[in-house]
Amino acid sequence: MAAATRCTALVSRASLRWPLGLRSVSSSPVLASGHNRWSKIKHDKIKEDALRSKERSQWARNIQDAVKRSGGDTNSNTELSTLVAQAKKAGLPKDVIERAIAKGQGVTLSGDALETVTLEAMLPPSVSTIIECQTGNKNRTLSDLRLMVKNVGGTVTPTSHLFEKRGRIILEAEKEGIDEEKVMERVLEAGALDMDVEEDQTSLSVYTEPSQTASIGQSLARLLGLKLRSYEIVWMARPEFRVQVERSGIETQPNLEEIISQIEEDSSVQAVYHNAA
């Protein structure tokens, strides 16, 4: 009886504070605002880290290309010496520079030979890719990449039948811009399959059969008076298998560019080829 009386008293006091039919509603705009602010900071930091990683990868690849062209000695390779100085000024760590020079020579820092391996995969949203790597530990690299592909929502599956190998030559103008109409005839006469001039008209990309890449590159550099920046064998998506990709609009879902940037952060990755138009 006493317990019932106490309970009735508590209900009566509660009713005085909160009228019948009304409930306490807790709102914390400060916390919500803080959460949104933290989300924005976190998002910005991820973008900054990705950009920094992409810049670091680009420096490393430029150094590797310079080594492949003229050797790994900075005393005799002026292009490499200049790149190393610029990379240091840009904050590229010493070990990254040394690893890039070694990779350009086809070896690890300890002198072991590097092996070229590829991984074929489908990345969201239904984009075929070929990931090309250079590594001293094939099994570990493939295992890491398979896990990375899985984590971004992709699947490891054959895709190379959607691509074809081509030689790609990059030529640069040292003074005047490149006139597309003037160089096109000579490029085709040299045996090239196709070409593109960059919008700023400072560089020219030429595509060839893989076996003719070096000879056509050297010939065109001489005929056109351009600097031979690089030449390599690449995978190009067959035109009939190119796909249009649109952004999902879902903030939590990474777009293709972000996924590829994430894969390229792996130091063994040399290139990621895809069939997105």
C-alpha atoms as a PDB file:
ATOM      1  CA  MET A   1       0.000   0.000   0.000  1.00  0.00           C
ATOM      2  CA  ALA A   2       2.828   2.364   0.929  1.00  0.00           C
ATOM      3  CA  ALA A   3       4.646   1.497  -2.281  1.00  0.00           C
ATOM      4  CA  ALA A   4       1.536   2.265  -4.310  1.00  0.00           C
ATOM      5  CA  THR A   5       1.185   5.639  -2.577  1.00  0.00           C
ATOM      6  CA  ARG A   6       4.805   6.562  -3.369  1.00  0.00           C
ATOM      7  CA  CYS A   7       4.329   5.537  -6.999  1.00  0.00           C
ATOM      8  CA  THR A   8       1.182   7.697  -7.278  1.00  0.00           C
ATOM      9  CA  ALA A   9       3.049  10.647  -5.787  1.00  0.00           C
ATOM     10  CA  LEU A  10       5.914  10.267  -8.301  1.00  0.00           C
ATOM     11  CA  VAL A  11       3.473  10.140 -11.228  1.00  0.00           C
ATOM     12  CA  SER A  12       1.683  13.247  -9.913  1.00  0.00           C
ATOM     13  CA  ARG A  13       4.966  15.195  -9.637  1.00  0.00           C
ATOM     14  CA  ALA A  14       5.978  14.082 -13.100  1.00  0.00           C
ATOM     15  CA  SER A  15       2.620  15.221 -14.464  1.00  0.00           C
ATOM     16  CA  LEU A  16       3.220  18.682 -13.025  1.00  0.00           C
ATOM     17  CA  ARG A  17       6.509  18.970 -14.887  1.00  0.00           C
ATOM     18  CA  TRP A  18       5.388  17.402 -18.186  1.00  0.00           C
ATOM     19  CA  PRO A  19       1.715  17.929 -19.140  1.00  0.00           C
ATOM     20  CA  LEU A  20      -0.168  14.893 -20.420  1.00  0.00           C
ATOM     21  CA  GLY A  21       0.515  14.074 -24.075  1.00  0.00           C
ATOM     22  CA  LEU A  22       3.843  15.976 -24.209  1.00  0.00           C
ATOM     23  CA  ARG A  23       7.285  14.336 -24.237  1.00  0.00           C
ATOM     24  CA  SER A  24      10.704  15.735 -23.623  1.00  0.00           C
ATOM     25  CA  VAL A  25      12.496  16.293 -26.943  1.00  0.00           C
ATOM     26  CA  SER A  26      16.256  16.589 -26.785  1.00  0.00           C
ATOM     27  CA  SER A  27      17.997  18.449 -29.574  1.00  0.00           C
ATOM     28  CA  SER A  28      21.674  19.222 -29.721  1.00  0.00           C
ATOM     29  CA  PRO A  29      22.430  21.476 -32.673  1.00  0.00           C
ATOM     30  CA  VAL A  30      25.917  22.138 -31.346  1.00  0.00           C
ATOM     31  CA  LEU A  31      26.747  18.428 -31.513  1.00  0.00           C
ATOM     32  CA  ALA A  32      25.200  18.093 -34.977  1.00  0.00           C
ATOM     33  CA  SER A  33      27.118  21.096 -36.183  1.00  0.00           C
ATOM     34  CA  GLY A  34      30.290  19.701 -34.689  1.00  0.00           C
ATOM     35  CA  HIS A  35      29.668  16.360 -36.368  1.00  0.00           C
ATOM     36  CA  ASN A  36      29.151  18.007 -39.766  1.00  0.00           C
ATOM     37  CA  ARG A  37      32.261  20.092 -39.293  1.00  0.00           C
ATOM     38  CA  TRP A  38      34.307  17.009 -38.382  1.00  0.00           C
ATOM     39  CA  SER A  39      32.936  15.147 -41.431  1.00  0.00           C
ATOM     40  CA  LYS A  40      34.000  18.025 -43.677  1.00  0.00           C
ATOM     41  CA  ILE A  41      37.472  18.174 -42.082  1.00  0.00           C
ATOM     42  CA  LYS A  42      37.844  14.421 -42.480  1.00  0.00           C
ATOM     43  CA  HIS A  43      36.674  14.556 -46.109  1.00  0.00           C
ATOM     44  CA  ASP A  44      39.067  17.424 -46.905  1.00  0.00           C
ATOM     45  CA  LYS A  45      41.956  15.567 -45.264  1.00  0.00           C
ATOM     46  CA  ILE A  46      41.260  12.443 -47.325  1.00  0.00           C
ATOM     47  CA  LYS A  47      41.302  14.554 -50.499  1.00  0.00           C
ATOM     48  CA  GLU A  48      44.549  16.273 -49.459  1.00  0.00           C
ATOM     49  CA  ASP A  49      46.208  12.944 -48.620  1.00  0.00           C
ATOM     50  CA  ALA A  50      45.100  11.484 -51.960  1.00  0.00           C
ATOM     51  CA  LEU A  51      46.458  14.519 -53.836  1.00  0.00           C
ATOM     52  CA  ARG A  52      49.762  14.327 -51.941  1.00  0.00           C
ATOM     53  CA  SER A  53      50.039  10.616 -52.701  1.00  0.00           C
ATOM     54  CA  LYS A  54      49.275  11.222 -56.373  1.00  0.00           C
ATOM     55  CA  GLU A  55      51.957  13.930 -56.583  1.00  0.00           C
ATOM     56  CA  ARG A  56      54.467  11.617 -54.883  1.00  0.00           C
ATOM     57  CA  SER A  57      53.655   8.825 -57.353  1.00  0.00           C
ATOM     58  CA  GLN A  58      54.050  11.223 -60.286  1.00  0.00           C
ATOM     59  CA  TRP A  59      57.467  12.378 -59.068  1.00  0.00           C
ATOM     60  CA  ALA A  60      58.572   8.744 -58.663  1.00  0.00           C
ATOM     61  CA  ARG A  61      57.370   7.824 -62.164  1.00  0.00           C
ATOM     62  CA  ASN A  62      59.112  10.836 -63.727  1.00  0.00           C
ATOM     63  CA  ILE A  63      62.342   9.803 -62.019  1.00  0.00           C
ATOM     64  CA  GLN A  64      61.936   6.203 -63.210  1.00  0.00           C
ATOM     65  CA  ASP A  65      61.357   7.385 -66.792  1.00  0.00           C
ATOM     66  CA  ALA A  66      64.473   9.565 -66.703  1.00  0.00           C
ATOM     67  CA  VAL A  67      66.531   6.608 -65.459  1.00  0.00           C
ATOM     68  CA  LYS A  68      65.155   4.327 -68.184  1.00  0.00           C
ATOM     69  CA  ARG A  69      66.123   6.867 -70.839  1.00  0.00           C
ATOM     70  CA  SER A  70      69.614   7.844 -69.710  1.00  0.00           C
ATOM     71  CA  GLY A  71      70.708   5.736 -66.732  1.00  0.00           C
ATOM     72  CA  GLY A  72      70.671   6.115 -62.947  1.00  0.00           C
ATOM     73  CA  ASP A  73      73.811   8.237 -62.450  1.00  0.00           C
ATOM     74  CA  THR A  74      72.875  11.829 -61.569  1.00  0.00           C
ATOM     75  CA  ASN A  75      76.374  12.979 -62.590  1.00  0.00           C
ATOM     76  CA  SER A  76      75.918  11.909 -66.213  1.00  0.00           C
ATOM     77  CA  ASN A  77      72.113  12.137 -66.467  1.00  0.00           C
ATOM     78  CA  THR A  78      71.311  15.845 -66.249  1.00  0.00           C
ATOM     79  CA  GLU A  79      67.554  15.267 -66.586  1.00  0.00           C
ATOM     80  CA  LEU A  80      67.632  12.897 -63.602  1.00  0.00           C
ATOM     81  CA  SER A  81      69.776  15.321 -61.594  1.00  0.00           C
ATOM     82  CA  THR A  82      67.285  18.139 -62.203  1.00  0.00           C
ATOM     83  CA  LEU A  83      64.290  15.938 -61.317  1.00  0.00           C
ATOM     84  CA  VAL A  84      65.899  14.733 -58.085  1.00  0.00           C
ATOM     85  CA  ALA A  85      66.651  18.319 -57.040  1.00  0.00           C
ATOM     86  CA  GLN A  86      63.088  19.401 -57.799  1.00  0.00           C
ATOM     87  CA  ALA A  87      61.628  16.364 -56.025  1.00  0.00           C
ATOM     88  CA  LYS A  88      63.645  17.079 -52.886  1.00  0.00           C
ATOM     89  CA  LYS A  89      62.498  20.678 -52.952  1.00  0.00           C
ATOM     90  CA  ALA A  90      58.892  19.441 -53.251  1.00  0.00           C
ATOM     91  CA  GLY A  91      59.386  17.347 -50.111  1.00  0.00           C
ATOM     92  CA  LEU A  92      59.745  13.886 -51.661  1.00  0.00           C
ATOM     93  CA  PRO A  93      61.466  11.635 -49.059  1.00  0.00           C
ATOM     94  CA  LYS A  94      64.985  10.396 -49.800  1.00  0.00           C
ATOM     95  CA  ASP A  95      64.013   6.720 -49.657  1.00  0.00           C
ATOM     96  CA  VAL A  96      61.241   7.275 -52.236  1.00  0.00           C
ATOM     97  CA  ILE A  97      63.732   8.929 -54.602  1.00  0.00           C
ATOM     98  CA  GLU A  98      66.265   6.115 -54.159  1.00  0.00           C
ATOM     99  CA  ARG A  99      63.589   3.470 -54.717  1.00  0.00           C
ATOM    100  CA  ALA A 100      62.430   5.231 -57.889  1.00  0.00           C
ATOM    101  CA  ILE A 101      65.989   5.327 -59.273  1.00  0.00           C
ATOM    102  CA  ALA A 102      66.398   1.620 -58.491  1.00  0.00           C
ATOM    103  CA  LYS A 103      63.048   0.793 -60.132  1.00  0.00           C
ATOM    104  CA  GLY A 104      64.082   2.672 -63.252  1.00  0.00           C
ATOM    105  CA  GLN A 105      67.021   0.270 -63.446  1.00  0.00           C
ATOM    106  CA  GLY A 106      64.760  -2.735 -62.899  1.00  0.00           C
ATOM    107  CA  VAL A 107      66.004  -3.625 -59.414  1.00  0.00           C
ATOM    108  CA  THR A 108      65.059  -3.188 -55.764  1.00  0.00           C
ATOM    109  CA  LEU A 109      67.103  -1.086 -53.342  1.00  0.00           C
ATOM    110  CA  SER A 110      68.951  -4.268 -52.331  1.00  0.00           C
ATOM    111  CA  GLY A 111      69.773  -5.034 -55.969  1.00  0.00           C
ATOM    112  CA  ASP A 112      67.286  -7.859 -56.565  1.00  0.00           C
ATOM    113  CA  ALA A 113      65.632  -7.997 -59.982  1.00  0.00           C
ATOM    114  CA  LEU A 114      62.085  -6.656 -60.237  1.00  0.00           C
ATOM    115  CA  GLU A 115      59.324  -8.656 -61.904  1.00  0.00           C
ATOM    116  CA  THR A 116      56.463  -7.207 -63.948  1.00  0.00           C
ATOM    117  CA  VAL A 117      53.057  -8.600 -62.967  1.00  0.00           C
ATOM    118  CA  THR A 118      49.501  -7.674 -63.954  1.00  0.00           C
ATOM    119  CA  LEU A 119      46.144  -8.030 -62.247  1.00  0.00           C
ATOM    120  CA  GLU A 120      42.904  -7.889 -64.238  1.00  0.00           C
ATOM    121  CA  ALA A 121      39.773  -6.694 -62.435  1.00  0.00           C
ATOM    122  CA  MET A 122      36.356  -5.071 -62.700  1.00  0.00           C
ATOM    123  CA  LEU A 123      36.003  -1.911 -60.624  1.00  0.00           C
ATOM    124  CA  PRO A 124      32.745  -0.128 -59.764  1.00  0.00           C
ATOM    125  CA  PRO A 125      30.766   0.891 -61.659  1.00  0.00           C
ATOM    126  CA  SER A 126      31.448  -2.014 -64.100  1.00  0.00           C
ATOM    127  CA  VAL A 127      34.771  -0.682 -65.410  1.00  0.00           C
ATOM    128  CA  SER A 128      37.336  -3.132 -66.799  1.00  0.00           C
ATOM    129  CA  THR A 129      40.904  -2.545 -65.641  1.00  0.00           C
ATOM    130  CA  ILE A 130      44.416  -3.909 -65.987  1.00  0.00           C
ATOM    131  CA  ILE A 131      46.756  -3.057 -63.100  1.00  0.00           C
ATOM    132  CA  GLU A 132      50.429  -3.268 -64.020  1.00  0.00           C
ATOM    133  CA  CYS A 133      53.074  -3.581 -61.300  1.00  0.00           C
ATOM    134  CA  GLN A 134      56.804  -3.932 -60.819  1.00  0.00           C
ATOM    135  CA  THR A 135      57.752  -5.843 -57.705  1.00  0.00           C
ATOM    136  CA  GLY A 136      60.385  -7.892 -55.952  1.00  0.00           C
ATOM    137  CA  ASN A 137      57.717  -9.990 -54.227  1.00  0.00           C
ATOM    138  CA  LYS A 138      55.085 -11.154 -56.718  1.00  0.00           C
ATOM    139  CA  ASN A 139      52.909 -13.134 -54.302  1.00  0.00           C
ATOM    140  CA  ARG A 140      52.678 -10.371 -51.702  1.00  0.00           C
ATOM    141  CA  THR A 141      51.933  -7.687 -54.301  1.00  0.00           C
ATOM    142  CA  LEU A 142      49.151  -9.715 -55.940  1.00  0.00           C
ATOM    143  CA  SER A 143      47.674 -10.559 -52.533  1.00  0.00           C
ATOM    144  CA  ASP A 144      47.680  -6.865 -51.504  1.00  0.00           C
ATOM    145  CA  LEU A 145      46.079  -5.775 -54.784  1.00  0.00           C
ATOM    146  CA  ARG A 146      43.369  -8.463 -54.655  1.00  0.00           C
ATOM    147  CA  LEU A 147      42.432  -7.284 -51.169  1.00  0.00           C
ATOM    148  CA  MET A 148      42.415  -3.644 -52.318  1.00  0.00           C
ATOM    149  CA  VAL A 149      40.145  -4.458 -55.270  1.00  0.00           C
ATOM    150  CA  LYS A 150      37.773  -6.328 -52.942  1.00  0.00           C
ATOM    151  CA  ASN A 151      37.716  -3.444 -50.442  1.00  0.00           C
ATOM    152  CA  VAL A 152      36.620  -0.932 -53.102  1.00  0.00           C
ATOM    153  CA  GLY A 153      33.794  -3.208 -54.255  1.00  0.00           C
ATOM    154  CA  GLY A 154      35.528  -4.717 -57.290  1.00  0.00           C
ATOM    155  CA  THR A 155      36.200  -8.277 -58.417  1.00  0.00           C
ATOM    156  CA  VAL A 156      39.309  -9.942 -59.842  1.00  0.00           C
ATOM    157  CA  THR A 157      38.372 -11.350 -63.257  1.00  0.00           C
ATOM    158  CA  PRO A 158      39.878 -11.591 -66.800  1.00  0.00           C
ATOM    159  CA  THR A 159      39.622  -8.305 -68.739  1.00  0.00           C
ATOM    160  CA  SER A 160      42.603  -8.276 -71.115  1.00  0.00           C
ATOM    161  CA  HIS A 161      40.431  -9.444 -74.043  1.00  0.00           C
ATOM    162  CA  LEU A 162      38.795  -5.982 -73.897  1.00  0.00           C
ATOM    163  CA  PHE A 163      42.164  -4.274 -74.471  1.00  0.00           C
ATOM    164  CA  GLU A 164      44.992  -4.281 -76.997  1.00  0.00           C
ATOM    165  CA  LYS A 165      48.678  -3.497 -76.578  1.00  0.00           C
ATOM    166  CA  ARG A 166      50.022  -0.356 -78.211  1.00  0.00           C
ATOM    167  CA  GLY A 167      53.237   1.589 -78.195  1.00  0.00           C
ATOM    168  CA  ARG A 168      52.862   5.115 -76.793  1.00  0.00           C
ATOM    169  CA  ILE A 169      55.389   7.834 -77.570  1.00  0.00           C
ATOM    170  CA  ILE A 170      55.420  11.237 -75.865  1.00  0.00           C
ATOM    171  CA  LEU A 171      57.145  14.045 -77.766  1.00  0.00           C
ATOM    172  CA  GLU A 172      57.562  17.588 -76.424  1.00  0.00           C
ATOM    173  CA  ALA A 173      58.103  20.968 -78.062  1.00  0.00           C
ATOM    174  CA  GLU A 174      61.006  22.819 -76.487  1.00  0.00           C
ATOM    175  CA  LYS A 175      60.146  26.234 -77.974  1.00  0.00           C
ATOM    176  CA  GLU A 176      57.187  26.724 -80.309  1.00  0.00           C
ATOM    177  CA  GLY A 177      53.853  24.922 -79.965  1.00  0.00           C
ATOM    178  CA  ILE A 178      52.978  21.837 -82.012  1.00  0.00           C
ATOM    179  CA  ASP A 179      50.777  22.390 -85.073  1.00  0.00           C
ATOM    180  CA  GLU A 180      48.607  19.274 -85.394  1.00  0.00           C
ATOM    181  CA  GLU A 181      47.955  19.670 -89.134  1.00  0.00           C
ATOM    182  CA  LYS A 182      51.655  20.088 -89.912  1.00  0.00           C
ATOM    183  CA  VAL A 183      52.853  17.046 -87.976  1.00  0.00           C
ATOM    184  CA  MET A 184      49.998  14.630 -88.750  1.00  0.00           C
ATOM    185  CA  GLU A 185      51.195  13.700 -92.245  1.00  0.00           C
ATOM    186  CA  ARG A 186      54.726  12.956 -91.064  1.00  0.00           C
ATOM    187  CA  VAL A 187      53.475  10.965 -88.088  1.00  0.00           C
ATOM    188  CA  LEU A 188      51.321   8.744 -90.315  1.00  0.00           C
ATOM    189  CA  GLU A 189      54.075   8.415 -92.929  1.00  0.00           C
ATOM    190  CA  ALA A 190      56.417   7.177 -90.187  1.00  0.00           C
ATOM    191  CA  GLY A 191      54.077   4.232 -89.604  1.00  0.00           C
ATOM    192  CA  ALA A 192      52.163   5.422 -86.545  1.00  0.00           C
ATOM    193  CA  LEU A 193      48.542   4.390 -85.977  1.00  0.00           C
ATOM    194  CA  ASP A 194      47.197   7.508 -84.307  1.00  0.00           C
ATOM    195  CA  MET A 195      48.193  10.708 -82.496  1.00  0.00           C
ATOM    196  CA  ASP A 196      46.908  13.343 -80.082  1.00  0.00           C
ATOM    197  CA  VAL A 197      48.144  16.879 -79.452  1.00  0.00           C
ATOM    198  CA  GLU A 198      47.625  18.260 -75.957  1.00  0.00           C
ATOM    199  CA  GLU A 199      45.388  21.324 -75.650  1.00  0.00           C
ATOM    200  CA  ASP A 200      48.321  23.579 -74.748  1.00  0.00           C
ATOM    201  CA  GLN A 201      50.147  22.283 -77.878  1.00  0.00           C
ATOM    202  CA  THR A 202      53.326  21.527 -75.919  1.00  0.00           C
ATOM    203  CA  SER A 203      53.296  17.728 -76.223  1.00  0.00           C
ATOM    204  CA  LEU A 204      52.302  15.080 -78.725  1.00  0.00           C
ATOM    205  CA  SER A 205      51.202  11.496 -77.997  1.00  0.00           C
ATOM    206  CA  VAL A 206      51.793   8.994 -80.809  1.00  0.00           C
ATOM    207  CA  TYR A 207      50.444   5.428 -80.863  1.00  0.00           C
ATOM    208  CA  THR A 208      52.138   2.597 -82.736  1.00  0.00           C
ATOM    209  CA  GLU A 209      52.396  -1.158 -83.010  1.00  0.00           C
ATOM    210  CA  PRO A 210      54.386  -2.333 -79.948  1.00  0.00           C
ATOM    211  CA  SER A 211      57.358  -3.613 -81.992  1.00  0.00           C
ATOM    212  CA  GLN A 212      57.825  -0.217 -83.709  1.00  0.00           C
ATOM    213  CA  THR A 213      57.634   2.023 -80.646  1.00  0.00           C
ATOM    214  CA  ALA A 214      61.334   2.819 -80.153  1.00  0.00           C
ATOM    215  CA  SER A 215      62.228   3.210 -83.835  1.00  0.00           C
ATOM    216  CA  ILE A 216      59.253   5.452 -84.675  1.00  0.00           C
ATOM    217  CA  GLY A 217      59.819   7.533 -81.532  1.00  0.00           C
ATOM    218  CA  GLN A 218      63.451   8.232 -82.384  1.00  0.00           C
ATOM    219  CA  SER A 219      62.616   8.888 -86.047  1.00  0.00           C
ATOM    220  CA  LEU A 220      59.828  11.366 -85.246  1.00  0.00           C
ATOM    221  CA  ALA A 221      61.921  13.229 -82.683  1.00  0.00           C
ATOM    222  CA  ARG A 222      64.534  13.806 -85.366  1.00  0.00           C
ATOM    223  CA  LEU A 223      62.110  14.627 -88.205  1.00  0.00           C
ATOM    224  CA  LEU A 224      59.888  16.970 -86.172  1.00  0.00           C
ATOM    225  CA  GLY A 225      62.614  18.565 -84.067  1.00  0.00           C
ATOM    226  CA  LEU A 226      60.859  17.529 -80.845  1.00  0.00           C
ATOM    227  CA  LYS A 227      62.186  16.128 -77.591  1.00  0.00           C
ATOM    228  CA  LEU A 228      61.527  12.414 -77.070  1.00  0.00           C
ATOM    229  CA  ARG A 229      60.031  12.472 -73.572  1.00  0.00           C
ATOM    230  CA  SER A 230      59.201   8.777 -73.229  1.00  0.00           C
ATOM    231  CA  TYR A 231      58.062   5.664 -75.027  1.00  0.00           C
ATOM    232  CA  GLU A 232      56.444   2.564 -73.574  1.00  0.00           C
ATOM    233  CA  ILE A 233      54.073  -0.317 -74.238  1.00  0.00           C
ATOM    234  CA  VAL A 234      50.576   0.315 -72.838  1.00  0.00           C
ATOM    235  CA  TRP A 235      47.171  -1.347 -72.724  1.00  0.00           C
ATOM    236  CA  MET A 236      44.447   0.528 -74.604  1.00  0.00           C
ATOM    237  CA  ALA A 237      40.747  -0.292 -74.378  1.00  0.00           C
ATOM    238  CA  ARG A 238      39.258  -1.461 -77.665  1.00  0.00           C
ATOM    239  CA  PRO A 239      36.864   1.268 -78.915  1.00  0.00           C
ATOM    240  CA  GLU A 240      33.855  -1.057 -79.031  1.00  0.00           C
ATOM    241  CA  PHE A 241      34.301  -1.918 -75.337  1.00  0.00           C
ATOM    242  CA  ARG A 242      34.571   1.607 -73.940  1.00  0.00           C
ATOM    243  CA  VAL A 243      31.929   2.504 -71.364  1.00  0.00           C
ATOM    244  CA  GLN A 244      30.467   5.812 -70.201  1.00  0.00           C
ATOM    245  CA  VAL A 245      30.810   6.398 -66.471  1.00  0.00           C
ATOM    246  CA  GLU A 246      28.755   8.875 -64.483  1.00  0.00           C
ATOM    247  CA  ARG A 247      29.260   9.962 -60.885  1.00  0.00           C
ATOM    248  CA  SER A 248      26.912   8.170 -58.520  1.00  0.00           C
ATOM    249  CA  GLY A 249      26.020  11.291 -56.525  1.00  0.00           C
ATOM    250  CA  ILE A 250      26.282   9.227 -53.342  1.00  0.00           C
ATOM    251  CA  GLU A 251      28.758  10.956 -51.050  1.00  0.00           C
ATOM    252  CA  THR A 252      29.796   7.749 -49.273  1.00  0.00           C
ATOM    253  CA  GLN A 253      30.466   5.920 -52.552  1.00  0.00           C
ATOM    254  CA  PRO A 254      33.910   6.616 -54.084  1.00  0.00           C
ATOM    255  CA  ASN A 255      34.021   7.506 -57.774  1.00  0.00           C
ATOM    256  CA  LEU A 256      36.286   5.792 -60.301  1.00  0.00           C
ATOM    257  CA  GLU A 257      38.975   8.467 -60.105  1.00  0.00           C
ATOM    258  CA  GLU A 258      39.213   8.094 -56.319  1.00  0.00           C
ATOM    259  CA  ILE A 259      39.392   4.295 -56.584  1.00  0.00           C
ATOM    260  CA  ILE A 260      42.189   4.438 -59.163  1.00  0.00           C
ATOM    261  CA  SER A 261      44.094   7.006 -57.056  1.00  0.00           C
ATOM    262  CA  GLN A 262      43.818   4.669 -54.086  1.00  0.00           C
ATOM    263  CA  ILE A 263      45.244   1.762 -56.106  1.00  0.00           C
ATOM    264  CA  GLU A 264      48.061   3.922 -57.476  1.00  0.00           C
ATOM    265  CA  GLU A 265      49.157   4.685 -53.922  1.00  0.00           C
ATOM    266  CA  ASP A 266      50.692   1.203 -53.807  1.00  0.00           C
ATOM    267  CA  SER A 267      54.376   1.767 -54.573  1.00  0.00           C
ATOM    268  CA  SER A 268      54.559  -1.315 -56.815  1.00  0.00           C
ATOM    269  CA  VAL A 269      51.801  -0.073 -59.163  1.00  0.00           C
ATOM    270  CA  GLN A 270      53.177   1.342 -62.398  1.00  0.00           C
ATOM    271  CA  ALA A 271      49.938   1.993 -64.269  1.00  0.00           C
ATOM    272  CA  VAL A 272      46.187   1.400 -64.121  1.00  0.00           C
ATOM    273  CA  TYR A 273      44.507   1.009 -67.518  1.00  0.00           C
ATOM    274  CA  HIS A 274      40.700   1.098 -67.847  1.00  0.00           C
ATOM    275  CA  ASN A 275      37.957   1.221 -70.463  1.00  0.00           C
ATOM    276  CA  ALA A 276      36.041   4.222 -69.103  1.00  0.00           C
ATOM    277  CA  ALA A 277      35.388   6.694 -71.896  1.00  0.00           C
END
